[in-house]
Amino acid sequence: MEGLAVKQFGDIFAGRRVLLTGHTGFKGSWLALWLTRLGASVTGYALAPTGERNHWRQLDLPVAHREGDLRDLAGLDAAFAASRPEIVFHLAAQPLVRQSYREPLDTWSVNLMGTANLLELCRRHPQVRAVVVVTTDKVYHNREWAWGYRESDTLGGIDPYAASKAAAELAAQSYRQAFLEARGILLATARAGNVIGGGDWSEDRLLPDLVRAQAAGQPLQVRSPRATRPWQHVLDCLSGYLLLGQRLLAGDASCARAWNFGPAADDNRSVGAVLERMRAFWPELGWVDADTAGPHEAALLGLDSAEARKLLGWAPVWRLDDALRATAQWYRQALQGGAGLTHAQLADYIDCAAGAGAVWTSA
């Protein structure tokens, strides 16, 4: 695991008190691992982990684990009081589009009011210096454009998930301007693409559904094979979140705004194309074009990350094939009952980033 010896993010997270919401989820568990490897003192606040294959449980990290709902202001306040965070990474959410159609009020209350609760507590607790609120590429008013959305484009959303996350962006902007700036607290929001990688067992996500179908010996019924998305490995977007956190902790007020962290433009591929590439690393995988009617989902979606590249110096490290290869390896080993590859893949990713001269690495 040579990659873990590379100096990362200026060592700014070493010894830092971090509150991470959503640490029992897919992205949150990977971020919890990375933060602990960076020497941070991490407190996690999230719903109880679910499923026998839960990634958070498998990692068994030295994180102060607190279970609770974002909508429980008192419970969340207790987590703030106990952890006294210098920086907050807010990832907890109801993250699934189709579930948002089934449970719209729950989605709105978690994603909007849960975020508002967190922002209010950042205002109340004076030790907080920096906040990174993670939303989604789906916050933009989707016009089915062939080019990527920029941070200045209009927010919106048809499905409750997208709309509630766009509303969370507005709540963050309001709290930043009305309260946090005057207290010297720097807040940024981060919008990533369709994130893939080992450890995601959510329903209604393409690759986890594909893995479950493979385990059951059945082809996956694919509902929208022609829809395009900006695919990226989980570690690529997390490197953006951590770089943003570094800049905020260093007091760079120019970074207190919204940022896109998406893949290279030519890694914006259709669902069908991604499945075909996945077969290169796992030939046994099978799928069929179901193309069934369902609730509205965007057909075309892309992110323009030019500002993160120019102003932060951030760039993705792994291309789509790298991300698919790592994802296939992780799940194949998981289905065979082997030990998880998470630690080794994090080390490999950091080595690749150092080799590529990523701005957040140094010798």
Protein backbone atom coordinates (compact mmCIF):
# COMPACT_ATOMS: atom_id res chain seq x y z
CA MET A 1 0.00 0.00 0.00
CA GLU A 2 2.67 2.48 -1.05
CA GLY A 3 0.09 5.06 -2.06
CA LEU A 4 -0.83 5.70 1.55
CA ALA A 5 2.69 7.12 2.18
CA VAL A 6 2.24 9.87 -0.43
CA LYS A 7 1.72 13.30 1.11
CA GLN A 8 -1.87 14.29 0.34
CA PHE A 9 -3.82 17.54 0.60
CA GLY A 10 -0.89 19.24 2.30
CA ASP A 11 -1.45 17.02 5.36
CA ILE A 12 -4.18 19.47 6.35
CA PHE A 13 -6.52 16.75 7.63
CA ALA A 14 -4.01 15.23 10.05
CA GLY A 15 -5.45 15.65 13.55
CA ARG A 16 -8.49 17.55 12.29
CA ARG A 17 -11.88 16.98 13.86
CA VAL A 18 -14.26 16.00 11.05
CA LEU A 19 -18.00 15.40 11.10
CA LEU A 20 -19.07 13.21 8.17
CA THR A 21 -22.77 12.66 7.56
CA GLY A 22 -23.80 9.61 5.57
CA HIS A 23 -20.71 7.61 6.51
CA THR A 24 -22.62 4.31 6.37
CA GLY A 25 -23.48 4.83 2.69
CA PHE A 26 -21.50 4.10 -0.47
CA LYS A 27 -19.57 7.33 -0.96
CA GLY A 28 -19.53 8.08 2.74
CA SER A 29 -17.82 4.81 3.67
CA TRP A 30 -15.05 5.37 1.10
CA LEU A 31 -14.60 8.94 2.37
CA ALA A 32 -14.51 7.74 5.99
CA LEU A 33 -11.69 5.36 5.06
CA TRP A 34 -9.71 8.04 3.24
CA LEU A 35 -10.11 10.58 6.05
CA THR A 36 -8.91 8.11 8.68
CA ARG A 37 -5.89 7.30 6.50
CA LEU A 38 -5.18 11.03 6.35
CA GLY A 39 -5.06 11.12 10.15
CA ALA A 40 -8.37 12.89 10.77
CA SER A 41 -10.46 12.33 13.89
CA VAL A 42 -13.75 11.38 12.27
CA THR A 43 -17.24 11.29 13.73
CA GLY A 44 -19.91 9.80 11.49
CA TYR A 45 -23.63 10.59 11.70
CA ALA A 46 -26.00 8.48 9.61
CA LEU A 47 -28.83 6.01 9.61
CA ALA A 48 -27.96 2.50 10.76
CA PRO A 49 -26.13 0.52 8.06
CA THR A 50 -28.38 -1.89 6.18
CA GLY A 51 -27.76 -5.15 4.34
CA GLU A 52 -25.45 -8.02 5.18
CA ARG A 53 -22.88 -6.78 2.64
CA ASN A 54 -22.80 -3.21 3.92
CA HIS A 55 -19.48 -1.62 2.95
CA TRP A 56 -19.22 0.46 6.13
CA ARG A 57 -19.50 -2.62 8.34
CA GLN A 58 -16.89 -4.48 6.31
CA LEU A 59 -14.34 -1.68 6.67
CA ASP A 60 -14.51 -1.63 10.49
CA LEU A 61 -12.92 1.83 10.74
CA PRO A 62 -11.80 3.80 13.82
CA VAL A 63 -14.66 6.27 13.43
CA ALA A 64 -16.95 7.53 16.20
CA HIS A 65 -20.19 6.07 14.86
CA ARG A 66 -23.41 7.88 15.76
CA GLU A 67 -26.73 6.72 14.35
CA GLY A 68 -29.44 9.24 13.68
CA ASP A 69 -31.69 10.99 11.19
CA LEU A 70 -30.82 14.40 9.72
CA ARG A 71 -34.35 15.51 10.54
CA ASP A 72 -33.71 14.95 14.26
CA LEU A 73 -32.23 18.34 15.11
CA ALA A 74 -31.51 17.41 18.73
CA GLY A 75 -29.72 14.19 17.76
CA LEU A 76 -27.67 15.96 15.11
CA ASP A 77 -26.88 18.75 17.59
CA ALA A 78 -25.56 16.15 20.04
CA ALA A 79 -23.23 14.83 17.32
CA PHE A 80 -21.91 18.34 16.74
CA ALA A 81 -21.42 18.90 20.46
CA ALA A 82 -19.58 15.59 20.90
CA SER A 83 -17.33 15.90 17.85
CA ARG A 84 -16.69 19.68 17.86
CA PRO A 85 -15.91 19.54 14.12
CA GLU A 86 -13.58 21.94 12.38
CA ILE A 87 -14.90 20.78 9.03
CA VAL A 88 -18.17 19.10 8.03
CA PHE A 89 -18.61 16.87 4.98
CA HIS A 90 -22.35 16.48 4.36
CA LEU A 91 -23.13 13.41 2.25
CA ALA A 92 -26.24 11.99 3.97
CA ALA A 93 -29.31 12.03 1.72
CA GLN A 94 -32.09 10.04 0.13
CA PRO A 95 -30.04 9.47 -3.07
CA LEU A 96 -32.24 7.42 -5.40
CA VAL A 97 -34.36 8.87 -8.22
CA ARG A 98 -36.95 6.08 -8.46
CA GLN A 99 -37.35 5.91 -4.70
CA SER A 100 -38.04 9.64 -4.74
CA TYR A 101 -41.08 8.97 -6.95
CA ARG A 102 -42.33 6.37 -4.48
CA GLU A 103 -41.57 8.46 -1.39
CA PRO A 104 -41.54 12.13 -2.44
CA LEU A 105 -42.25 13.69 0.96
CA ASP A 106 -39.58 11.63 2.65
CA THR A 107 -37.11 12.64 -0.07
CA TRP A 108 -37.94 16.31 0.30
CA SER A 109 -37.74 16.28 4.08
CA VAL A 110 -34.39 14.45 4.20
CA ASN A 111 -32.67 16.26 1.37
CA LEU A 112 -33.93 19.78 2.06
CA MET A 113 -34.83 20.02 5.74
CA GLY A 114 -32.09 17.61 6.77
CA THR A 115 -29.58 19.84 5.00
CA ALA A 116 -31.14 22.95 6.55
CA ASN A 117 -30.77 21.37 10.01
CA LEU A 118 -27.11 20.69 9.36
CA LEU A 119 -26.48 24.24 8.11
CA GLU A 120 -28.23 25.70 11.13
CA LEU A 121 -25.97 23.72 13.45
CA CYS A 122 -22.89 24.84 11.50
CA ARG A 123 -24.08 28.37 12.29
CA ARG A 124 -24.55 27.62 15.99
CA HIS A 125 -21.31 25.77 16.67
CA PRO A 126 -18.40 28.26 16.64
CA GLN A 127 -15.61 25.71 16.11
CA VAL A 128 -16.85 24.92 12.56
CA ARG A 129 -14.57 26.56 9.99
CA ALA A 130 -15.48 24.81 6.73
CA VAL A 131 -18.43 22.94 5.25
CA VAL A 132 -18.66 20.84 2.07
CA VAL A 133 -22.24 20.02 1.08
CA VAL A 134 -22.43 17.26 -1.53
CA THR A 135 -25.36 17.40 -3.94
CA THR A 136 -25.49 15.87 -7.45
CA ASP A 137 -25.14 16.45 -11.18
CA LYS A 138 -28.94 16.27 -11.32
CA VAL A 139 -29.43 19.69 -9.66
CA TYR A 140 -29.49 21.41 -13.04
CA HIS A 141 -32.67 22.23 -14.94
CA ASN A 142 -32.16 19.55 -17.57
CA ARG A 143 -32.74 20.80 -21.10
CA GLU A 144 -31.38 17.59 -22.68
CA TRP A 145 -28.37 19.53 -23.92
CA ALA A 146 -25.54 17.65 -25.64
CA TRP A 147 -22.95 19.63 -23.65
CA GLY A 148 -22.16 19.61 -19.94
CA TYR A 149 -23.82 21.85 -17.41
CA ARG A 150 -21.77 24.60 -15.80
CA GLU A 151 -22.03 25.88 -12.24
CA SER A 152 -23.75 29.04 -13.50
CA ASP A 153 -26.56 27.15 -15.24
CA THR A 154 -30.10 27.20 -13.88
CA LEU A 155 -30.99 24.80 -11.08
CA GLY A 156 -34.14 22.69 -11.24
CA GLY A 157 -35.52 19.19 -11.43
CA ILE A 158 -38.59 17.18 -12.39
CA ASP A 159 -38.18 14.16 -10.12
CA PRO A 160 -38.30 14.80 -6.35
CA TYR A 161 -34.70 13.71 -5.90
CA ALA A 162 -33.29 16.24 -8.37
CA ALA A 163 -35.59 19.03 -7.22
CA SER A 164 -34.89 18.44 -3.53
CA LYS A 165 -31.14 18.49 -4.14
CA ALA A 166 -31.47 21.71 -6.15
CA ALA A 167 -33.38 23.11 -3.18
CA ALA A 168 -30.53 22.01 -0.88
CA GLU A 169 -28.17 24.02 -3.08
CA LEU A 170 -30.36 27.09 -2.57
CA ALA A 171 -30.49 26.48 1.18
CA ALA A 172 -26.68 26.28 1.25
CA GLN A 173 -26.39 29.51 -0.74
CA SER A 174 -28.81 31.24 1.61
CA TYR A 175 -27.00 30.11 4.76
CA ARG A 176 -23.64 31.06 3.26
CA GLN A 177 -24.73 34.60 2.45
CA ALA A 178 -27.09 35.25 5.34
CA PHE A 179 -25.15 33.72 8.23
CA LEU A 180 -21.92 31.85 7.62
CA GLU A 181 -19.80 34.40 5.76
CA ALA A 182 -20.19 36.89 8.61
CA ARG A 183 -18.85 34.25 11.01
CA GLY A 184 -15.88 33.37 8.85
CA ILE A 185 -17.27 29.93 7.99
CA LEU A 186 -16.53 28.89 4.41
CA LEU A 187 -19.14 26.71 2.70
CA ALA A 188 -18.96 25.07 -0.71
CA THR A 189 -21.24 22.68 -2.56
CA ALA A 190 -19.99 19.84 -4.76
CA ARG A 191 -21.76 18.25 -7.72
CA ALA A 192 -20.40 14.96 -9.04
CA GLY A 193 -21.46 12.64 -11.83
CA ASN A 194 -22.75 9.06 -11.83
CA VAL A 195 -20.38 7.53 -9.32
CA ILE A 196 -19.35 3.88 -9.57
CA GLY A 197 -17.07 1.62 -7.56
CA GLY A 198 -17.08 -1.33 -5.21
CA GLY A 199 -19.20 -1.28 -2.11
CA ASP A 200 -22.40 0.15 -3.60
CA TRP A 201 -25.31 -2.24 -3.02
CA SER A 202 -28.16 0.26 -3.59
CA GLU A 203 -31.27 -0.75 -5.49
CA ASP A 204 -32.00 0.87 -8.86
CA ARG A 205 -28.36 1.64 -9.64
CA LEU A 206 -26.92 0.19 -12.82
CA LEU A 207 -23.82 -1.69 -11.71
CA PRO A 208 -25.10 -2.97 -8.34
CA ASP A 209 -28.22 -4.23 -10.18
CA LEU A 210 -25.95 -5.85 -12.78
CA VAL A 211 -23.92 -7.61 -10.07
CA ARG A 212 -27.07 -8.88 -8.34
CA ALA A 213 -28.38 -10.21 -11.65
CA GLN A 214 -25.06 -11.98 -12.26
CA ALA A 215 -25.17 -13.53 -8.77
CA ALA A 216 -28.70 -14.78 -9.51
CA GLY A 217 -27.65 -16.21 -12.88
CA GLN A 218 -29.98 -13.91 -14.81
CA PRO A 219 -29.49 -11.12 -17.35
CA LEU A 220 -30.18 -7.61 -16.14
CA GLN A 221 -33.30 -5.93 -17.53
CA VAL A 222 -32.00 -2.49 -18.57
CA ARG A 223 -34.66 0.17 -18.69
CA SER A 224 -32.83 3.08 -20.45
CA PRO A 225 -29.84 1.77 -22.42
CA ARG A 226 -29.58 4.91 -24.56
CA ALA A 227 -29.50 7.39 -21.65
CA THR A 228 -26.11 9.07 -21.22
CA ARG A 229 -24.42 9.92 -17.92
CA PRO A 230 -21.06 11.30 -16.70
CA TRP A 231 -19.54 8.11 -15.22
CA GLN A 232 -16.65 8.33 -12.74
CA HIS A 233 -15.04 6.27 -10.00
CA VAL A 234 -15.98 7.17 -6.44
CA LEU A 235 -12.38 8.08 -5.58
CA ASP A 236 -12.25 10.71 -8.32
CA CYS A 237 -15.13 12.71 -6.92
CA LEU A 238 -13.90 12.21 -3.34
CA SER A 239 -10.53 13.67 -4.29
CA GLY A 240 -12.43 16.75 -5.40
CA TYR A 241 -14.34 16.97 -2.12
CA LEU A 242 -11.13 16.62 -0.11
CA LEU A 243 -9.28 19.18 -2.23
CA LEU A 244 -12.17 21.57 -1.70
CA GLY A 245 -12.04 20.90 2.03
CA GLN A 246 -8.30 21.59 2.02
CA ARG A 247 -8.78 24.95 0.35
CA LEU A 248 -11.61 25.95 2.69
CA LEU A 249 -9.65 24.99 5.81
CA ALA A 250 -6.74 27.06 4.47
CA GLY A 251 -9.09 30.06 4.42
CA ASP A 252 -9.49 30.41 0.66
CA ALA A 253 -12.78 32.30 0.46
CA SER A 254 -12.77 32.14 -3.36
CA CYS A 255 -13.61 28.43 -3.04
CA ALA A 256 -16.81 29.05 -1.05
CA ARG A 257 -19.19 28.43 -3.96
CA ALA A 258 -20.56 25.59 -6.11
CA TRP A 259 -18.22 23.21 -7.98
CA ASN A 260 -18.61 20.45 -10.55
CA PHE A 261 -16.39 17.37 -10.23
CA GLY A 262 -17.11 15.27 -13.29
CA PRO A 263 -15.19 12.96 -15.64
CA ALA A 264 -13.51 13.77 -18.92
CA ALA A 265 -16.06 14.75 -21.55
CA ASP A 266 -15.56 11.58 -23.58
CA ASP A 267 -16.34 9.46 -20.52
CA ASN A 268 -19.92 10.70 -20.78
CA ARG A 269 -21.34 7.46 -22.23
CA SER A 270 -24.66 5.74 -22.70
CA VAL A 271 -25.81 3.06 -20.29
CA GLY A 272 -25.49 0.46 -23.05
CA ALA A 273 -21.93 1.52 -23.86
CA VAL A 274 -20.93 1.25 -20.20
CA LEU A 275 -22.39 -2.23 -19.96
CA GLU A 276 -20.50 -3.32 -23.06
CA ARG A 277 -17.22 -1.97 -21.65
CA MET A 278 -17.93 -3.70 -18.34
CA ARG A 279 -18.02 -7.02 -20.20
CA ALA A 280 -14.37 -6.49 -21.15
CA PHE A 281 -13.51 -6.96 -17.47
CA TRP A 282 -16.25 -9.44 -16.58
CA PRO A 283 -17.26 -11.40 -19.71
CA GLU A 284 -19.95 -13.44 -17.95
CA LEU A 285 -22.15 -10.39 -17.31
CA GLY A 286 -25.44 -10.39 -19.19
CA TRP A 287 -28.12 -7.83 -19.88
CA VAL A 288 -31.08 -7.26 -22.17
CA ASP A 289 -32.77 -4.12 -23.41
CA ALA A 290 -36.06 -3.91 -21.51
CA ASP A 291 -36.74 -0.28 -22.48
CA THR A 292 -39.84 -0.29 -20.29
CA ALA A 293 -41.90 2.78 -19.52
CA GLY A 294 -41.36 4.36 -16.13
CA PRO A 295 -41.22 7.69 -14.35
CA HIS A 296 -39.32 10.48 -16.06
CA GLU A 297 -35.53 10.33 -15.97
CA ALA A 298 -33.15 12.52 -17.97
CA ALA A 299 -31.98 11.08 -21.28
CA LEU A 300 -28.91 13.30 -21.65
CA LEU A 301 -26.82 14.56 -18.75
CA GLY A 302 -23.27 15.86 -18.62
CA LEU A 303 -21.06 18.00 -16.36
CA ASP A 304 -18.59 20.70 -17.35
CA SER A 305 -15.76 20.65 -14.77
CA ALA A 306 -13.61 23.29 -16.46
CA GLU A 307 -13.68 25.60 -13.44
CA ALA A 308 -12.49 22.88 -11.03
CA ARG A 309 -9.67 22.09 -13.45
CA LYS A 310 -8.64 25.72 -13.97
CA LEU A 311 -9.19 27.23 -10.52
CA LEU A 312 -8.58 24.26 -8.21
CA GLY A 313 -6.14 22.33 -10.38
CA TRP A 314 -8.31 19.24 -9.94
CA ALA A 315 -8.64 16.56 -12.61
CA PRO A 316 -9.92 12.97 -12.60
CA VAL A 317 -7.18 10.38 -12.21
CA TRP A 318 -8.94 7.28 -13.54
CA ARG A 319 -10.57 7.14 -16.95
CA LEU A 320 -13.78 5.19 -17.46
CA ASP A 321 -12.00 1.92 -18.30
CA ASP A 322 -9.89 2.26 -15.15
CA ALA A 323 -13.03 2.83 -13.09
CA LEU A 324 -14.87 -0.11 -14.66
CA ARG A 325 -11.87 -2.42 -14.23
CA ALA A 326 -11.56 -1.55 -10.51
CA THR A 327 -15.32 -1.89 -10.02
CA ALA A 328 -15.45 -5.29 -11.74
CA GLN A 329 -12.49 -6.55 -9.70
CA TRP A 330 -14.07 -5.41 -6.44
CA TYR A 331 -17.44 -7.07 -7.07
CA ARG A 332 -16.01 -10.27 -8.52
CA GLN A 333 -13.94 -10.75 -5.38
CA ALA A 334 -16.93 -9.88 -3.18
CA LEU A 335 -19.14 -12.48 -4.88
CA GLN A 336 -16.40 -15.08 -4.45
CA GLY A 337 -16.37 -14.42 -0.72
CA GLY A 338 -12.91 -12.89 -0.68
CA ALA A 339 -11.70 -9.95 1.37
CA GLY A 340 -12.69 -6.54 0.08
CA LEU A 341 -10.32 -4.67 -2.21
CA THR A 342 -11.16 -1.22 -0.84
CA HIS A 343 -7.87 -0.57 0.97
CA ALA A 344 -5.75 -1.83 -1.92
CA GLN A 345 -7.72 0.18 -4.48
CA LEU A 346 -7.38 3.38 -2.46
CA ALA A 347 -3.61 2.84 -2.34
CA ASP A 348 -3.52 2.12 -6.07
CA TYR A 349 -5.54 5.23 -6.82
CA ILE A 350 -3.20 7.43 -4.76
CA ASP A 351 -0.18 5.95 -6.53
CA CYS A 352 -1.79 6.71 -9.90
CA ALA A 353 -2.60 10.26 -8.76
CA ALA A 354 0.98 10.85 -7.62
CA GLY A 355 2.28 9.46 -10.91
CA ALA A 356 -0.02 11.78 -12.83
CA GLY A 357 1.11 14.78 -10.77
CA ALA A 358 -2.29 15.42 -9.18
CA VAL A 359 -2.30 18.79 -7.44
CA TRP A 360 -3.27 17.21 -4.11
CA THR A 361 -0.23 14.91 -3.99
CA SER A 362 3.43 15.60 -3.35
CA ALA A 363 6.57 13.55 -2.81
